[in-house]
C-alpha atoms as a PDB file:
ATOM      1  CA  MET A   1       0.085   0.222   0.012  1.00  0.00           C
ATOM      2  CA  ASP A   2       1.190   3.517  -0.639  1.00  0.00           C
ATOM      3  CA  LYS A   3       1.136   6.201   2.150  1.00  0.00           C
ATOM      4  CA  LYS A   4      -2.237   7.679   1.452  1.00  0.00           C
ATOM      5  CA  GLN A   5      -3.772   3.999   1.662  1.00  0.00           C
ATOM      6  CA  LEU A   6      -1.972   3.031   4.846  1.00  0.00           C
ATOM      7  CA  MET A   7      -3.080   6.221   6.701  1.00  0.00           C
ATOM      8  CA  LYS A   8      -6.761   5.526   5.407  1.00  0.00           C
ATOM      9  CA  ALA A   9      -6.514   2.187   6.847  1.00  0.00           C
ATOM     10  CA  ILE A  10      -5.163   3.259  10.053  1.00  0.00           C
ATOM     11  CA  SER A  11      -7.590   6.023  10.293  1.00  0.00           C
ATOM     12  CA  ASP A  12     -10.503   3.505   9.561  1.00  0.00           C
ATOM     13  CA  LYS A  13      -9.340   1.155  12.336  1.00  0.00           C
ATOM     14  CA  ILE A  14      -8.507   3.629  15.314  1.00  0.00           C
ATOM     15  CA  GLY A  15      -9.999   7.316  14.366  1.00  0.00           C
ATOM     16  CA  ARG A  16      -8.530  10.209  12.511  1.00  0.00           C
ATOM     17  CA  ASP A  17      -7.126  12.009  15.499  1.00  0.00           C
ATOM     18  CA  LYS A  18      -5.556   8.780  17.242  1.00  0.00           C
ATOM     19  CA  ALA A  19      -4.076   7.983  13.870  1.00  0.00           C
ATOM     20  CA  ILE A  20      -2.284  11.361  13.410  1.00  0.00           C
ATOM     21  CA  GLU A  21      -0.938  11.017  16.867  1.00  0.00           C
ATOM     22  CA  MET A  22       0.323   7.613  16.871  1.00  0.00           C
ATOM     23  CA  VAL A  23       1.992   8.064  13.279  1.00  0.00           C
ATOM     24  CA  MET A  24       3.603  11.128  14.441  1.00  0.00           C
ATOM     25  CA  GLN A  25       4.920   9.583  17.513  1.00  0.00           C
ATOM     26  CA  ALA A  26       6.124   6.561  15.306  1.00  0.00           C
ATOM     27  CA  TYR A  27       7.785   9.325  12.796  1.00  0.00           C
ATOM     28  CA  ASN A  28       9.606  10.906  15.582  1.00  0.00           C
ATOM     29  CA  THR A  29      10.972   7.618  16.751  1.00  0.00           C
ATOM     30  CA  GLU A  30      12.011   6.853  13.334  1.00  0.00           C
ATOM     31  CA  LEU A  31      14.030  10.017  13.176  1.00  0.00           C
ATOM     32  CA  LEU A  32      15.575   9.827  16.602  1.00  0.00           C
ATOM     33  CA  THR A  33      16.480   6.188  15.691  1.00  0.00           C
ATOM     34  CA  THR A  34      18.362   7.031  12.628  1.00  0.00           C
ATOM     35  CA  SER A  35      20.074   9.935  14.109  1.00  0.00           C
ATOM     36  CA  VAL A  36      21.292   7.999  17.252  1.00  0.00           C
ATOM     37  CA  GLY A  37      22.483   5.188  15.014  1.00  0.00           C
ATOM     38  CA  ARG A  38      24.505   7.539  12.844  1.00  0.00           C
ATOM     39  CA  ILE A  39      26.136   9.260  15.861  1.00  0.00           C
ATOM     40  CA  GLU A  40      27.123   6.179  17.314  1.00  0.00           C
ATOM     41  CA  ALA A  41      28.646   5.138  14.240  1.00  0.00           C
ATOM     42  CA  ASN A  42      30.371   8.359  13.991  1.00  0.00           C
ATOM     43  CA  ARG A  43      28.845   9.088  10.529  1.00  0.00           C
ATOM     44  CA  PRO A  44      27.265  12.462   9.483  1.00  0.00           C
ATOM     45  CA  ILE A  45      23.400  12.922   9.942  1.00  0.00           C
ATOM     46  CA  GLY A  46      21.867  12.949   6.501  1.00  0.00           C
ATOM     47  CA  GLY A  47      23.763  11.631   3.690  1.00  0.00           C
ATOM     48  CA  PRO A  48      23.052  10.447   0.070  1.00  0.00           C
ATOM     49  CA  GLN A  49      20.689   7.524   1.008  1.00  0.00           C
ATOM     50  CA  ARG A  50      17.877   8.991   2.871  1.00  0.00           C
ATOM     51  CA  ARG A  51      15.156   6.879   4.321  1.00  0.00           C
ATOM     52  CA  ASP A  52      11.577   7.390   3.978  1.00  0.00           C
ATOM     53  CA  HIS A  53      10.692   8.009   7.741  1.00  0.00           C
ATOM     54  CA  LEU A  54       7.132   8.525   7.140  1.00  0.00           C
ATOM     55  CA  ALA A  55       6.590   5.413   5.132  1.00  0.00           C
ATOM     56  CA  ASP A  56       8.487   3.412   8.018  1.00  0.00           C
ATOM     57  CA  ALA A  57       6.168   4.981  10.493  1.00  0.00           C
ATOM     58  CA  LEU A  58       3.230   4.194   8.697  1.00  0.00           C
ATOM     59  CA  GLU A  59       4.362   0.663   8.486  1.00  0.00           C
ATOM     60  CA  ARG A  60       4.997   0.418  12.370  1.00  0.00           C
ATOM     61  CA  VAL A  61       1.766   1.794  13.333  1.00  0.00           C
ATOM     62  CA  TRP A  62      -0.019  -0.516  10.812  1.00  0.00           C
ATOM     63  CA  GLU A  63       1.807  -3.460  12.015  1.00  0.00           C
ATOM     64  CA  VAL A  64       0.449  -2.683  15.731  1.00  0.00           C
ATOM     65  CA  CYS A  65      -3.168  -2.116  14.370  1.00  0.00           C
ATOM     66  CA  GLN A  66      -3.086  -5.512  12.641  1.00  0.00           C
ATOM     67  CA  LEU A  67      -2.403  -7.263  15.969  1.00  0.00           C
ATOM     68  CA  ALA A  68      -5.619  -5.783  17.761  1.00  0.00           C
ATOM     69  CA  PRO A  69      -9.087  -7.613  17.142  1.00  0.00           C
END
């Protein structure tokens, strides 16, 4: 699924406001995880291969939503 479809599926499952909150928290976690990993490896933040943190965050939230009945 693309990002819009994932967000719609998440919103349908848990509601719009909760979906926005959860995806933003997951997005911030993705950013921090990437930044801390780069700092620990003594590499510059950024770089030629940027990850799509929003897509990763949506996937994580969707995985959690799938666990709930």
